Amino acid sequence: MSFVIRTHPRLTFGVLIGCAVGILAPAQTLTGKLLIGWNAAVWTYLALMFWLTVRARAEDVKRIAETEDENAGPVLLIVCVAAIASLVTIALELVGSKDLDTPQRLLHYGFTGFTVIGSWLLVGVIFSVHYARLYYTWNGKEPALRFAEELTTPNYWDFLYFSFTIGVAVQTSDVGVATRELRKIVLAQSLIGFVFNTAILGFSINIAAGLFS
């Protein structure tokens, strides 16, 4: 446990907060408790990462990449699977909200939308952290990512830019991908981004149909 806390402190803190909130949540259904706990975990982690991004310089990003985020591959996989699973839970919650009266149904719609946004942001942020780690631990002659203006000391904003361009457009930006390992990660994020974009469209249609039915 101490190893996990040391290598993934912000993610661990978010998970602990999410578990506590989910257990104590007054929701009547299991899916409701799961979504409330998930939101608490996700938004706690996102807040911590935003604070880190605002304050961290390039040398801080390099230090964190070298000292934290060990076993980043399995952690990335677990987080992405959990994010996709949250979409399934959202779908179940939307099905259960059809029999509610209008005010409660609107509340459910708002909450599920909030959950989708959080899960989508989580995927982009967790991939940006992974890109930072791969960049600063790469031992090749050339950088693993080639940023514009020959930037060699990118900070978290640069990695977020790269990651969310993939998440939004399902394509790379003006940053060159120079290694096969990174291309695999970019491909994985592109596929997950496609799943999320499709799910968001489907949920939007479902919610619109529910509002006007």
N, C-alpha and C. Protein backbone atom coordinates (compact mmCIF):
# COMPACT_ATOMS: atom_id res chain seq x y z
N MET A 1 0.83 -1.21 0.00
CA MET A 1 0.00 0.00 0.00
C MET A 1 0.87 1.25 0.00
N SER A 2 1.94 1.24 0.80
CA SER A 2 2.83 2.39 0.86
C SER A 2 3.49 2.65 -0.48
N PHE A 3 3.77 1.56 -1.24
CA PHE A 3 4.37 1.70 -2.56
C PHE A 3 3.42 2.44 -3.50
N VAL A 4 2.14 2.07 -3.45
CA VAL A 4 1.14 2.71 -4.31
C VAL A 4 0.99 4.18 -3.95
N ILE A 5 0.95 4.48 -2.66
CA ILE A 5 0.82 5.87 -2.22
C ILE A 5 2.01 6.69 -2.66
N ARG A 6 3.20 6.11 -2.58
CA ARG A 6 4.42 6.84 -2.94
C ARG A 6 4.50 7.09 -4.44
N THR A 7 4.09 6.12 -5.24
CA THR A 7 4.24 6.26 -6.69
C THR A 7 3.04 6.92 -7.36
N HIS A 8 1.89 6.89 -6.72
CA HIS A 8 0.69 7.51 -7.30
C HIS A 8 -0.09 8.22 -6.19
N PRO A 9 0.50 9.23 -5.56
CA PRO A 9 -0.14 9.85 -4.39
C PRO A 9 -1.47 10.52 -4.69
N ARG A 10 -1.55 11.27 -5.79
CA ARG A 10 -2.78 12.00 -6.09
C ARG A 10 -3.90 11.04 -6.49
N LEU A 11 -3.57 10.05 -7.28
CA LEU A 11 -4.57 9.06 -7.69
C LEU A 11 -5.05 8.25 -6.49
N THR A 12 -4.12 7.88 -5.62
CA THR A 12 -4.49 7.12 -4.42
C THR A 12 -5.42 7.93 -3.52
N PHE A 13 -5.11 9.20 -3.34
CA PHE A 13 -5.95 10.07 -2.51
C PHE A 13 -7.35 10.18 -3.10
N GLY A 14 -7.42 10.33 -4.43
CA GLY A 14 -8.72 10.41 -5.08
C GLY A 14 -9.54 9.14 -4.89
N VAL A 15 -8.88 7.99 -5.01
CA VAL A 15 -9.58 6.71 -4.82
C VAL A 15 -10.10 6.57 -3.40
N LEU A 16 -9.30 6.96 -2.42
CA LEU A 16 -9.73 6.87 -1.02
C LEU A 16 -10.93 7.78 -0.75
N ILE A 17 -10.89 8.99 -1.30
CA ILE A 17 -12.02 9.91 -1.16
C ILE A 17 -13.26 9.33 -1.82
N GLY A 18 -13.09 8.77 -3.01
CA GLY A 18 -14.21 8.19 -3.73
C GLY A 18 -14.84 7.03 -2.99
N CYS A 19 -14.02 6.16 -2.41
CA CYS A 19 -14.54 5.02 -1.64
C CYS A 19 -15.34 5.50 -0.44
N ALA A 20 -14.80 6.49 0.27
CA ALA A 20 -15.48 7.00 1.46
C ALA A 20 -16.81 7.64 1.10
N VAL A 21 -16.80 8.47 0.06
CA VAL A 21 -18.03 9.16 -0.35
C VAL A 21 -19.05 8.16 -0.87
N GLY A 22 -18.60 7.18 -1.66
CA GLY A 22 -19.51 6.18 -2.20
C GLY A 22 -20.19 5.37 -1.12
N ILE A 23 -19.44 5.00 -0.09
CA ILE A 23 -20.00 4.22 1.01
C ILE A 23 -21.02 5.05 1.80
N LEU A 24 -20.71 6.32 2.02
CA LEU A 24 -21.58 7.18 2.84
C LEU A 24 -22.71 7.82 2.05
N ALA A 25 -22.69 7.71 0.72
CA ALA A 25 -23.69 8.38 -0.11
C ALA A 25 -25.09 7.87 0.20
N PRO A 26 -26.09 8.77 0.23
CA PRO A 26 -27.45 8.37 0.57
C PRO A 26 -28.23 7.78 -0.61
N ALA A 27 -27.57 7.48 -1.71
CA ALA A 27 -28.26 6.95 -2.89
C ALA A 27 -28.94 5.63 -2.57
N GLN A 28 -30.09 5.39 -3.19
CA GLN A 28 -30.87 4.19 -2.91
C GLN A 28 -30.44 3.00 -3.75
N THR A 29 -29.76 3.23 -4.85
CA THR A 29 -29.35 2.14 -5.74
C THR A 29 -27.83 1.98 -5.72
N LEU A 30 -27.38 0.78 -6.08
CA LEU A 30 -25.95 0.52 -6.15
C LEU A 30 -25.29 1.36 -7.23
N THR A 31 -25.95 1.49 -8.38
CA THR A 31 -25.37 2.31 -9.45
C THR A 31 -25.24 3.76 -9.02
N GLY A 32 -26.22 4.24 -8.26
CA GLY A 32 -26.13 5.61 -7.75
C GLY A 32 -24.95 5.80 -6.83
N LYS A 33 -24.74 4.86 -5.91
CA LYS A 33 -23.59 4.94 -5.01
C LYS A 33 -22.27 4.87 -5.78
N LEU A 34 -22.22 3.98 -6.77
CA LEU A 34 -21.01 3.84 -7.57
C LEU A 34 -20.68 5.13 -8.31
N LEU A 35 -21.71 5.75 -8.89
CA LEU A 35 -21.47 6.98 -9.65
C LEU A 35 -21.09 8.14 -8.75
N ILE A 36 -21.70 8.22 -7.58
CA ILE A 36 -21.34 9.29 -6.64
C ILE A 36 -19.90 9.11 -6.17
N GLY A 37 -19.53 7.89 -5.82
CA GLY A 37 -18.15 7.62 -5.42
C GLY A 37 -17.16 7.87 -6.54
N TRP A 38 -17.55 7.46 -7.74
CA TRP A 38 -16.69 7.67 -8.91
C TRP A 38 -16.46 9.16 -9.15
N ASN A 39 -17.52 9.94 -9.08
CA ASN A 39 -17.38 11.39 -9.28
C ASN A 39 -16.48 12.01 -8.22
N ALA A 40 -16.65 11.59 -6.97
CA ALA A 40 -15.80 12.13 -5.91
C ALA A 40 -14.34 11.82 -6.16
N ALA A 41 -14.05 10.59 -6.59
CA ALA A 41 -12.67 10.19 -6.86
C ALA A 41 -12.11 10.96 -8.05
N VAL A 42 -12.88 11.02 -9.13
CA VAL A 42 -12.41 11.65 -10.37
C VAL A 42 -12.15 13.14 -10.17
N TRP A 43 -13.12 13.84 -9.60
CA TRP A 43 -12.97 15.29 -9.48
C TRP A 43 -11.93 15.68 -8.43
N THR A 44 -11.73 14.83 -7.43
CA THR A 44 -10.64 15.08 -6.49
C THR A 44 -9.30 14.96 -7.19
N TYR A 45 -9.14 13.90 -7.97
CA TYR A 45 -7.89 13.71 -8.71
C TYR A 45 -7.66 14.84 -9.71
N LEU A 46 -8.72 15.22 -10.43
CA LEU A 46 -8.58 16.30 -11.42
C LEU A 46 -8.20 17.62 -10.76
N ALA A 47 -8.78 17.90 -9.60
CA ALA A 47 -8.43 19.13 -8.88
C ALA A 47 -6.97 19.11 -8.45
N LEU A 48 -6.50 17.97 -7.96
CA LEU A 48 -5.10 17.86 -7.55
C LEU A 48 -4.16 18.00 -8.74
N MET A 49 -4.54 17.41 -9.87
CA MET A 49 -3.70 17.52 -11.06
C MET A 49 -3.71 18.93 -11.63
N PHE A 50 -4.85 19.61 -11.54
CA PHE A 50 -4.89 21.00 -12.00
C PHE A 50 -3.96 21.87 -11.16
N TRP A 51 -3.99 21.67 -9.85
CA TRP A 51 -3.12 22.43 -8.96
C TRP A 51 -1.66 22.13 -9.27
N LEU A 52 -1.35 20.86 -9.53
CA LEU A 52 0.02 20.49 -9.88
C LEU A 52 0.43 21.11 -11.21
N THR A 53 -0.47 21.09 -12.18
CA THR A 53 -0.16 21.63 -13.51
C THR A 53 0.13 23.12 -13.44
N VAL A 54 -0.65 23.84 -12.65
CA VAL A 54 -0.46 25.28 -12.53
C VAL A 54 0.89 25.61 -11.91
N ARG A 55 1.32 24.81 -10.95
CA ARG A 55 2.52 25.12 -10.18
C ARG A 55 3.80 24.48 -10.74
N ALA A 56 3.68 23.36 -11.44
CA ALA A 56 4.86 22.59 -11.81
C ALA A 56 5.62 23.22 -12.98
N ARG A 57 6.93 23.31 -12.83
CA ARG A 57 7.80 23.72 -13.92
C ARG A 57 8.29 22.46 -14.64
N ALA A 58 9.00 22.65 -15.75
CA ALA A 58 9.46 21.51 -16.53
C ALA A 58 10.34 20.58 -15.70
N GLU A 59 11.21 21.14 -14.86
CA GLU A 59 12.08 20.30 -14.03
C GLU A 59 11.28 19.52 -12.99
N ASP A 60 10.15 20.10 -12.55
CA ASP A 60 9.28 19.37 -11.62
C ASP A 60 8.62 18.19 -12.32
N VAL A 61 8.19 18.41 -13.56
CA VAL A 61 7.57 17.34 -14.34
C VAL A 61 8.57 16.20 -14.54
N LYS A 62 9.81 16.55 -14.85
CA LYS A 62 10.86 15.55 -15.05
C LYS A 62 11.10 14.76 -13.76
N ARG A 63 11.17 15.45 -12.65
CA ARG A 63 11.41 14.78 -11.36
C ARG A 63 10.26 13.84 -11.02
N ILE A 64 9.04 14.29 -11.21
CA ILE A 64 7.87 13.46 -10.91
C ILE A 64 7.84 12.24 -11.83
N ALA A 65 8.18 12.45 -13.10
CA ALA A 65 8.19 11.34 -14.05
C ALA A 65 9.21 10.28 -13.65
N GLU A 66 10.32 10.71 -13.06
CA GLU A 66 11.39 9.78 -12.71
C GLU A 66 11.18 9.13 -11.35
N THR A 67 10.45 9.78 -10.45
CA THR A 67 10.31 9.26 -9.08
C THR A 67 8.93 8.70 -8.79
N GLU A 68 7.92 9.14 -9.54
CA GLU A 68 6.56 8.64 -9.34
C GLU A 68 6.12 7.88 -10.59
N ASP A 69 4.86 7.50 -10.61
CA ASP A 69 4.24 6.88 -11.78
C ASP A 69 4.90 5.58 -12.19
N GLU A 70 5.48 4.83 -11.23
CA GLU A 70 5.96 3.50 -11.55
C GLU A 70 4.77 2.59 -11.82
N ASN A 71 5.00 1.53 -12.60
CA ASN A 71 3.91 0.64 -13.02
C ASN A 71 2.80 1.45 -13.69
N ALA A 72 3.21 2.46 -14.46
CA ALA A 72 2.23 3.37 -15.07
C ALA A 72 1.35 2.65 -16.08
N GLY A 73 1.89 1.64 -16.77
CA GLY A 73 1.10 0.92 -17.77
C GLY A 73 -0.12 0.25 -17.17
N PRO A 74 0.04 -0.60 -16.15
CA PRO A 74 -1.14 -1.22 -15.52
C PRO A 74 -2.11 -0.20 -14.93
N VAL A 75 -1.57 0.86 -14.32
CA VAL A 75 -2.44 1.88 -13.73
C VAL A 75 -3.24 2.57 -14.83
N LEU A 76 -2.60 2.88 -15.94
CA LEU A 76 -3.29 3.51 -17.07
C LEU A 76 -4.41 2.61 -17.57
N LEU A 77 -4.13 1.31 -17.68
CA LEU A 77 -5.13 0.35 -18.15
C LEU A 77 -6.32 0.29 -17.19
N ILE A 78 -6.04 0.21 -15.90
CA ILE A 78 -7.10 0.12 -14.89
C ILE A 78 -7.99 1.36 -14.92
N VAL A 79 -7.37 2.53 -15.01
CA VAL A 79 -8.13 3.78 -15.02
C VAL A 79 -9.01 3.86 -16.26
N CYS A 80 -8.48 3.48 -17.41
CA CYS A 80 -9.25 3.54 -18.65
C CYS A 80 -10.41 2.55 -18.64
N VAL A 81 -10.17 1.35 -18.13
CA VAL A 81 -11.25 0.36 -18.01
C VAL A 81 -12.33 0.87 -17.07
N ALA A 82 -11.91 1.47 -15.95
CA ALA A 82 -12.88 2.03 -15.00
C ALA A 82 -13.67 3.16 -15.63
N ALA A 83 -13.01 4.00 -16.43
CA ALA A 83 -13.70 5.12 -17.08
C ALA A 83 -14.75 4.61 -18.07
N ILE A 84 -14.38 3.57 -18.83
CA ILE A 84 -15.34 2.99 -19.77
C ILE A 84 -16.47 2.30 -19.02
N ALA A 85 -16.13 1.63 -17.91
CA ALA A 85 -17.17 1.00 -17.08
C ALA A 85 -18.14 2.03 -16.53
N SER A 86 -17.64 3.23 -16.27
CA SER A 86 -18.54 4.29 -15.77
C SER A 86 -19.60 4.64 -16.81
N LEU A 87 -19.25 4.51 -18.09
CA LEU A 87 -20.23 4.77 -19.15
C LEU A 87 -21.35 3.74 -19.11
N VAL A 88 -20.98 2.48 -18.83
CA VAL A 88 -22.00 1.43 -18.71
C VAL A 88 -22.91 1.72 -17.52
N THR A 89 -22.32 2.14 -16.42
CA THR A 89 -23.11 2.47 -15.22
C THR A 89 -24.03 3.65 -15.50
N ILE A 90 -23.54 4.62 -16.26
CA ILE A 90 -24.37 5.77 -16.63
C ILE A 90 -25.56 5.31 -17.46
N ALA A 91 -25.31 4.40 -18.40
CA ALA A 91 -26.40 3.88 -19.23
C ALA A 91 -27.47 3.20 -18.38
N LEU A 92 -27.04 2.42 -17.38
CA LEU A 92 -28.00 1.77 -16.48
C LEU A 92 -28.78 2.80 -15.67
N GLU A 93 -28.09 3.86 -15.26
CA GLU A 93 -28.75 4.92 -14.49
C GLU A 93 -29.78 5.65 -15.35
N LEU A 94 -29.48 5.87 -16.61
CA LEU A 94 -30.42 6.54 -17.50
C LEU A 94 -31.66 5.69 -17.74
N VAL A 95 -31.45 4.38 -17.87
CA VAL A 95 -32.60 3.48 -18.04
C VAL A 95 -33.51 3.54 -16.83
N GLY A 96 -32.92 3.59 -15.64
CA GLY A 96 -33.72 3.63 -14.41
C GLY A 96 -34.40 4.95 -14.16
N SER A 97 -33.97 6.01 -14.86
CA SER A 97 -34.54 7.34 -14.61
C SER A 97 -35.78 7.62 -15.46
N LYS A 98 -36.15 6.71 -16.35
CA LYS A 98 -37.27 6.97 -17.25
C LYS A 98 -38.60 7.04 -16.51
N ASP A 99 -38.71 6.36 -15.39
CA ASP A 99 -39.97 6.33 -14.65
C ASP A 99 -40.07 7.43 -13.60
N LEU A 100 -39.06 8.28 -13.50
CA LEU A 100 -39.07 9.35 -12.50
C LEU A 100 -39.88 10.54 -13.01
N ASP A 101 -40.32 11.39 -12.07
CA ASP A 101 -41.00 12.61 -12.50
C ASP A 101 -39.98 13.59 -13.08
N THR A 102 -40.47 14.63 -13.71
CA THR A 102 -39.59 15.52 -14.48
C THR A 102 -38.46 16.15 -13.67
N PRO A 103 -38.70 16.73 -12.48
CA PRO A 103 -37.59 17.33 -11.73
C PRO A 103 -36.49 16.31 -11.39
N GLN A 104 -36.89 15.12 -10.94
CA GLN A 104 -35.91 14.10 -10.60
C GLN A 104 -35.16 13.61 -11.83
N ARG A 105 -35.90 13.51 -12.94
CA ARG A 105 -35.26 13.06 -14.18
C ARG A 105 -34.24 14.07 -14.66
N LEU A 106 -34.56 15.35 -14.54
CA LEU A 106 -33.61 16.39 -14.92
C LEU A 106 -32.37 16.34 -14.04
N LEU A 107 -32.57 16.07 -12.75
CA LEU A 107 -31.43 15.95 -11.84
C LEU A 107 -30.55 14.78 -12.23
N HIS A 108 -31.16 13.66 -12.60
CA HIS A 108 -30.40 12.50 -13.04
C HIS A 108 -29.63 12.81 -14.32
N TYR A 109 -30.27 13.50 -15.24
CA TYR A 109 -29.60 13.84 -16.50
C TYR A 109 -28.39 14.74 -16.25
N GLY A 110 -28.58 15.73 -15.38
CA GLY A 110 -27.46 16.61 -15.06
C GLY A 110 -26.31 15.87 -14.41
N PHE A 111 -26.65 14.96 -13.50
CA PHE A 111 -25.62 14.20 -12.80
C PHE A 111 -24.87 13.27 -13.74
N THR A 112 -25.60 12.60 -14.64
CA THR A 112 -24.93 11.71 -15.59
C THR A 112 -24.05 12.50 -16.56
N GLY A 113 -24.52 13.68 -16.97
CA GLY A 113 -23.69 14.52 -17.82
C GLY A 113 -22.41 14.95 -17.13
N PHE A 114 -22.54 15.30 -15.86
CA PHE A 114 -21.38 15.67 -15.03
C PHE A 114 -20.40 14.51 -14.94
N THR A 115 -20.93 13.29 -14.84
CA THR A 115 -20.09 12.10 -14.74
C THR A 115 -19.35 11.83 -16.04
N VAL A 116 -20.04 11.98 -17.16
CA VAL A 116 -19.40 11.77 -18.46
C VAL A 116 -18.25 12.75 -18.66
N ILE A 117 -18.49 14.02 -18.33
CA ILE A 117 -17.44 15.04 -18.47
C ILE A 117 -16.23 14.68 -17.61
N GLY A 118 -16.49 14.28 -16.37
CA GLY A 118 -15.39 13.91 -15.48
C GLY A 118 -14.59 12.74 -16.00
N SER A 119 -15.28 11.71 -16.49
CA SER A 119 -14.59 10.53 -17.02
C SER A 119 -13.78 10.88 -18.25
N TRP A 120 -14.34 11.72 -19.11
CA TRP A 120 -13.61 12.12 -20.32
C TRP A 120 -12.37 12.92 -19.96
N LEU A 121 -12.50 13.85 -19.03
CA LEU A 121 -11.34 14.62 -18.59
C LEU A 121 -10.29 13.73 -17.93
N LEU A 122 -10.75 12.75 -17.15
CA LEU A 122 -9.82 11.85 -16.47
C LEU A 122 -8.95 11.11 -17.47
N VAL A 123 -9.55 10.60 -18.54
CA VAL A 123 -8.78 9.86 -19.54
C VAL A 123 -7.71 10.76 -20.16
N GLY A 124 -8.09 11.98 -20.52
CA GLY A 124 -7.11 12.90 -21.10
C GLY A 124 -5.98 13.23 -20.16
N VAL A 125 -6.30 13.45 -18.90
CA VAL A 125 -5.27 13.81 -17.91
C VAL A 125 -4.35 12.63 -17.63
N ILE A 126 -4.92 11.44 -17.45
CA ILE A 126 -4.10 10.27 -17.11
C ILE A 126 -3.17 9.92 -18.26
N PHE A 127 -3.62 10.12 -19.50
CA PHE A 127 -2.74 9.89 -20.65
C PHE A 127 -1.64 10.94 -20.71
N SER A 128 -1.96 12.19 -20.39
CA SER A 128 -0.94 13.24 -20.42
C SER A 128 0.16 12.96 -19.40
N VAL A 129 -0.21 12.45 -18.23
CA VAL A 129 0.78 12.07 -17.22
C VAL A 129 1.66 10.94 -17.75
N HIS A 130 1.04 10.00 -18.43
CA HIS A 130 1.80 8.87 -18.99
C HIS A 130 2.74 9.35 -20.10
N TYR A 131 2.28 10.27 -20.93
CA TYR A 131 3.16 10.83 -21.97
C TYR A 131 4.35 11.54 -21.34
N ALA A 132 4.11 12.27 -20.26
CA ALA A 132 5.21 12.96 -19.58
C ALA A 132 6.23 11.96 -19.06
N ARG A 133 5.77 10.88 -18.49
CA ARG A 133 6.68 9.87 -17.97
C ARG A 133 7.50 9.24 -19.10
N LEU A 134 6.83 8.87 -20.19
CA LEU A 134 7.54 8.26 -21.30
C LEU A 134 8.55 9.22 -21.91
N TYR A 135 8.18 10.49 -21.98
CA TYR A 135 9.08 11.48 -22.57
C TYR A 135 10.35 11.65 -21.74
N TYR A 136 10.18 11.82 -20.44
CA TYR A 136 11.33 12.13 -19.59
C TYR A 136 12.12 10.90 -19.14
N THR A 137 11.60 9.71 -19.38
CA THR A 137 12.37 8.50 -19.05
C THR A 137 12.90 7.81 -20.30
N TRP A 138 12.68 8.43 -21.46
CA TRP A 138 13.15 7.86 -22.73
C TRP A 138 14.66 8.07 -22.85
N ASN A 139 15.37 7.01 -23.21
CA ASN A 139 16.84 7.06 -23.27
C ASN A 139 17.39 7.11 -24.69
N GLY A 140 16.53 7.30 -25.67
CA GLY A 140 17.00 7.36 -27.05
C GLY A 140 17.74 8.65 -27.38
N LYS A 141 18.35 8.67 -28.54
CA LYS A 141 19.10 9.85 -28.96
C LYS A 141 18.17 11.02 -29.26
N GLU A 142 17.02 10.71 -29.85
CA GLU A 142 16.04 11.75 -30.18
C GLU A 142 14.89 11.71 -29.18
N PRO A 143 14.24 12.86 -28.91
CA PRO A 143 13.10 12.88 -27.98
C PRO A 143 11.96 11.98 -28.48
N ALA A 144 11.24 11.39 -27.55
CA ALA A 144 10.13 10.52 -27.92
C ALA A 144 8.98 11.32 -28.55
N LEU A 145 8.84 12.57 -28.16
CA LEU A 145 7.87 13.49 -28.76
C LEU A 145 8.61 14.72 -29.25
N ARG A 146 8.31 15.15 -30.45
CA ARG A 146 8.97 16.33 -31.02
C ARG A 146 7.98 17.49 -31.00
N PHE A 147 8.19 18.40 -30.07
CA PHE A 147 7.32 19.57 -29.94
C PHE A 147 7.77 20.67 -30.90
N ALA A 148 6.83 21.55 -31.21
CA ALA A 148 7.14 22.68 -32.09
C ALA A 148 8.15 23.60 -31.41
N GLU A 149 8.80 24.41 -32.20
CA GLU A 149 9.79 25.38 -31.72
C GLU A 149 10.96 24.68 -31.02
N GLU A 150 11.17 23.40 -31.35
CA GLU A 150 12.28 22.62 -30.80
C GLU A 150 12.29 22.64 -29.27
N LEU A 151 11.11 22.58 -28.70
CA LEU A 151 10.98 22.55 -27.24
C LEU A 151 11.47 21.21 -26.71
N THR A 152 12.40 21.24 -25.78
CA THR A 152 12.97 20.01 -25.21
C THR A 152 12.63 19.83 -23.73
N THR A 153 12.03 20.84 -23.11
CA THR A 153 11.65 20.73 -21.69
C THR A 153 10.17 21.07 -21.52
N PRO A 154 9.28 20.25 -22.08
CA PRO A 154 7.85 20.53 -21.97
C PRO A 154 7.35 20.37 -20.53
N ASN A 155 6.30 21.12 -20.21
CA ASN A 155 5.66 20.97 -18.90
C ASN A 155 4.32 20.28 -19.08
N TYR A 156 3.52 20.22 -18.01
CA TYR A 156 2.26 19.49 -18.10
C TYR A 156 1.29 20.11 -19.09
N TRP A 157 1.33 21.42 -19.27
CA TRP A 157 0.44 22.05 -20.25
C TRP A 157 0.71 21.51 -21.65
N ASP A 158 1.97 21.30 -21.97
CA ASP A 158 2.33 20.78 -23.30
C ASP A 158 1.80 19.36 -23.49
N PHE A 159 1.92 18.53 -22.45
CA PHE A 159 1.43 17.16 -22.56
C PHE A 159 -0.09 17.11 -22.55
N LEU A 160 -0.73 18.02 -21.81
CA LEU A 160 -2.19 18.10 -21.85
C LEU A 160 -2.68 18.52 -23.23
N TYR A 161 -1.98 19.46 -23.84
CA TYR A 161 -2.32 19.90 -25.19
C TYR A 161 -2.27 18.73 -26.16
N PHE A 162 -1.21 17.94 -26.08
CA PHE A 162 -1.06 16.79 -26.96
C PHE A 162 -2.15 15.76 -26.69
N SER A 163 -2.40 15.46 -25.43
CA SER A 163 -3.36 14.43 -25.05
C SER A 163 -4.79 14.81 -25.43
N PHE A 164 -5.19 16.04 -25.14
CA PHE A 164 -6.58 16.41 -25.39
C PHE A 164 -6.85 16.68 -26.86
N THR A 165 -5.82 16.98 -27.63
CA THR A 165 -6.02 17.05 -29.08
C THR A 165 -6.42 15.69 -29.62
N ILE A 166 -5.78 14.65 -29.10
CA ILE A 166 -6.15 13.29 -29.49
C ILE A 166 -7.56 12.97 -29.00
N GLY A 167 -7.88 13.36 -27.76
CA GLY A 167 -9.19 13.07 -27.20
C GLY A 167 -10.32 13.77 -27.93
N VAL A 168 -10.08 14.99 -28.39
CA VAL A 168 -11.13 15.77 -29.06
C VAL A 168 -11.24 15.40 -30.53
N ALA A 169 -10.11 15.39 -31.22
CA ALA A 169 -10.11 15.22 -32.67
C ALA A 169 -9.77 13.81 -33.12
N VAL A 170 -9.37 12.94 -32.19
CA VAL A 170 -8.92 11.58 -32.49
C VAL A 170 -7.81 11.62 -33.54
N GLN A 171 -6.91 12.57 -33.39
CA GLN A 171 -5.73 12.68 -34.25
C GLN A 171 -4.66 13.45 -33.50
N THR A 172 -3.42 13.29 -33.94
CA THR A 172 -2.32 13.98 -33.27
C THR A 172 -2.28 15.44 -33.71
N SER A 173 -1.62 16.25 -32.90
CA SER A 173 -1.51 17.68 -33.18
C SER A 173 -0.22 17.94 -33.95
N ASP A 174 0.38 19.09 -33.73
CA ASP A 174 1.64 19.42 -34.40
C ASP A 174 2.84 18.85 -33.66
N VAL A 175 2.59 17.92 -32.75
CA VAL A 175 3.65 17.24 -32.01
C VAL A 175 3.95 15.92 -32.70
N GLY A 176 5.22 15.70 -33.03
CA GLY A 176 5.62 14.47 -33.71
C GLY A 176 5.81 13.32 -32.74
N VAL A 177 5.36 12.14 -33.11
CA VAL A 177 5.52 10.93 -32.30
C VAL A 177 6.66 10.12 -32.89
N ALA A 178 7.72 9.94 -32.12
CA ALA A 178 8.97 9.41 -32.67
C ALA A 178 9.27 7.96 -32.30
N THR A 179 8.47 7.34 -31.42
CA THR A 179 8.78 5.98 -31.01
C THR A 179 7.57 5.06 -31.20
N ARG A 180 7.85 3.79 -31.40
CA ARG A 180 6.78 2.81 -31.60
C ARG A 180 5.93 2.66 -30.34
N GLU A 181 6.57 2.68 -29.17
CA GLU A 181 5.83 2.55 -27.92
C GLU A 181 4.81 3.67 -27.76
N LEU A 182 5.23 4.88 -28.08
CA LEU A 182 4.30 6.01 -27.97
C LEU A 182 3.19 5.92 -29.00
N ARG A 183 3.50 5.42 -30.18
CA ARG A 183 2.45 5.27 -31.20
C ARG A 183 1.38 4.29 -30.73
N LYS A 184 1.78 3.25 -30.01
CA LYS A 184 0.80 2.31 -29.45
C LYS A 184 -0.09 3.00 -28.43
N ILE A 185 0.51 3.85 -27.59
CA ILE A 185 -0.27 4.57 -26.58
C ILE A 185 -1.23 5.55 -27.25
N VAL A 186 -0.74 6.25 -28.27
CA VAL A 186 -1.59 7.20 -29.00
C VAL A 186 -2.75 6.46 -29.66
N LEU A 187 -2.47 5.29 -30.24
CA LEU A 187 -3.53 4.49 -30.85
C LEU A 187 -4.58 4.09 -29.82
N ALA A 188 -4.11 3.65 -28.65
CA ALA A 188 -5.04 3.26 -27.58
C ALA A 188 -5.91 4.43 -27.16
N GLN A 189 -5.30 5.61 -26.99
CA GLN A 189 -6.09 6.77 -26.60
C GLN A 189 -7.07 7.17 -27.69
N SER A 190 -6.67 7.04 -28.94
CA SER A 190 -7.58 7.38 -30.04
C SER A 190 -8.81 6.48 -30.03
N LEU A 191 -8.60 5.19 -29.79
CA LEU A 191 -9.73 4.25 -29.74
C LEU A 191 -10.65 4.55 -28.56
N ILE A 192 -10.04 4.84 -27.41
CA ILE A 192 -10.85 5.18 -26.23
C ILE A 192 -11.59 6.50 -26.47
N GLY A 193 -10.92 7.45 -27.12
CA GLY A 193 -11.57 8.71 -27.45
C GLY A 193 -12.76 8.51 -28.36
N PHE A 194 -12.64 7.60 -29.31
CA PHE A 194 -13.76 7.29 -30.21
C PHE A 194 -14.93 6.71 -29.42
N VAL A 195 -14.63 5.81 -28.47
CA VAL A 195 -15.68 5.22 -27.64
C VAL A 195 -16.40 6.32 -26.84
N PHE A 196 -15.64 7.22 -26.25
CA PHE A 196 -16.24 8.29 -25.46
C PHE A 196 -17.06 9.24 -26.33
N ASN A 197 -16.52 9.62 -27.46
CA ASN A 197 -17.25 10.54 -28.33
C ASN A 197 -18.56 9.93 -28.82
N THR A 198 -18.51 8.62 -29.13
CA THR A 198 -19.73 7.92 -29.55
C THR A 198 -20.73 7.84 -28.41
N ALA A 199 -20.22 7.53 -27.21
CA ALA A 199 -21.10 7.43 -26.04
C ALA A 199 -21.74 8.77 -25.71
N ILE A 200 -20.96 9.84 -25.80
CA ILE A 200 -21.51 11.18 -25.52
C ILE A 200 -22.63 11.52 -26.50
N LEU A 201 -22.42 11.18 -27.77
CA LEU A 201 -23.47 11.41 -28.77
C LEU A 201 -24.71 10.60 -28.45
N GLY A 202 -24.50 9.32 -28.09
CA GLY A 202 -25.64 8.46 -27.77
C GLY A 202 -26.39 8.94 -26.54
N PHE A 203 -25.65 9.34 -25.50
CA PHE A 203 -26.31 9.84 -24.29
C PHE A 203 -27.07 11.13 -24.58
N SER A 204 -26.51 11.98 -25.42
CA SER A 204 -27.17 13.24 -25.75
C SER A 204 -28.50 12.99 -26.45
N ILE A 205 -28.49 12.05 -27.38
CA ILE A 205 -29.73 11.70 -28.09
C ILE A 205 -30.75 11.11 -27.11
N ASN A 206 -30.27 10.24 -26.22
CA ASN A 206 -31.15 9.61 -25.24
C ASN A 206 -31.77 10.64 -24.30
N ILE A 207 -30.96 11.57 -23.83
CA ILE A 207 -31.45 12.61 -22.92
C ILE A 207 -32.44 13.53 -23.63
N ALA A 208 -32.11 13.91 -24.87
CA ALA A 208 -33.02 14.77 -25.63
C ALA A 208 -34.36 14.08 -25.86
N ALA A 209 -34.32 12.79 -26.16
CA ALA A 209 -35.56 12.04 -26.36
C ALA A 209 -36.36 11.97 -25.06
N GLY A 210 -35.66 11.82 -23.94
CA GLY A 210 -36.34 11.75 -22.65
C GLY A 210 -36.97 13.08 -22.25
N LEU A 211 -36.33 14.17 -22.62
CA LEU A 211 -36.85 15.49 -22.26
C LEU A 211 -38.13 15.82 -23.03
N PHE A 212 -38.21 15.35 -24.27
CA PHE A 212 -39.35 15.72 -25.10
C PHE A 212 -40.39 14.61 -25.23
N SER A 213 -40.20 13.54 -24.45
CA SER A 213 -41.17 12.44 -24.52
C SER A 213 -42.35 12.71 -23.58
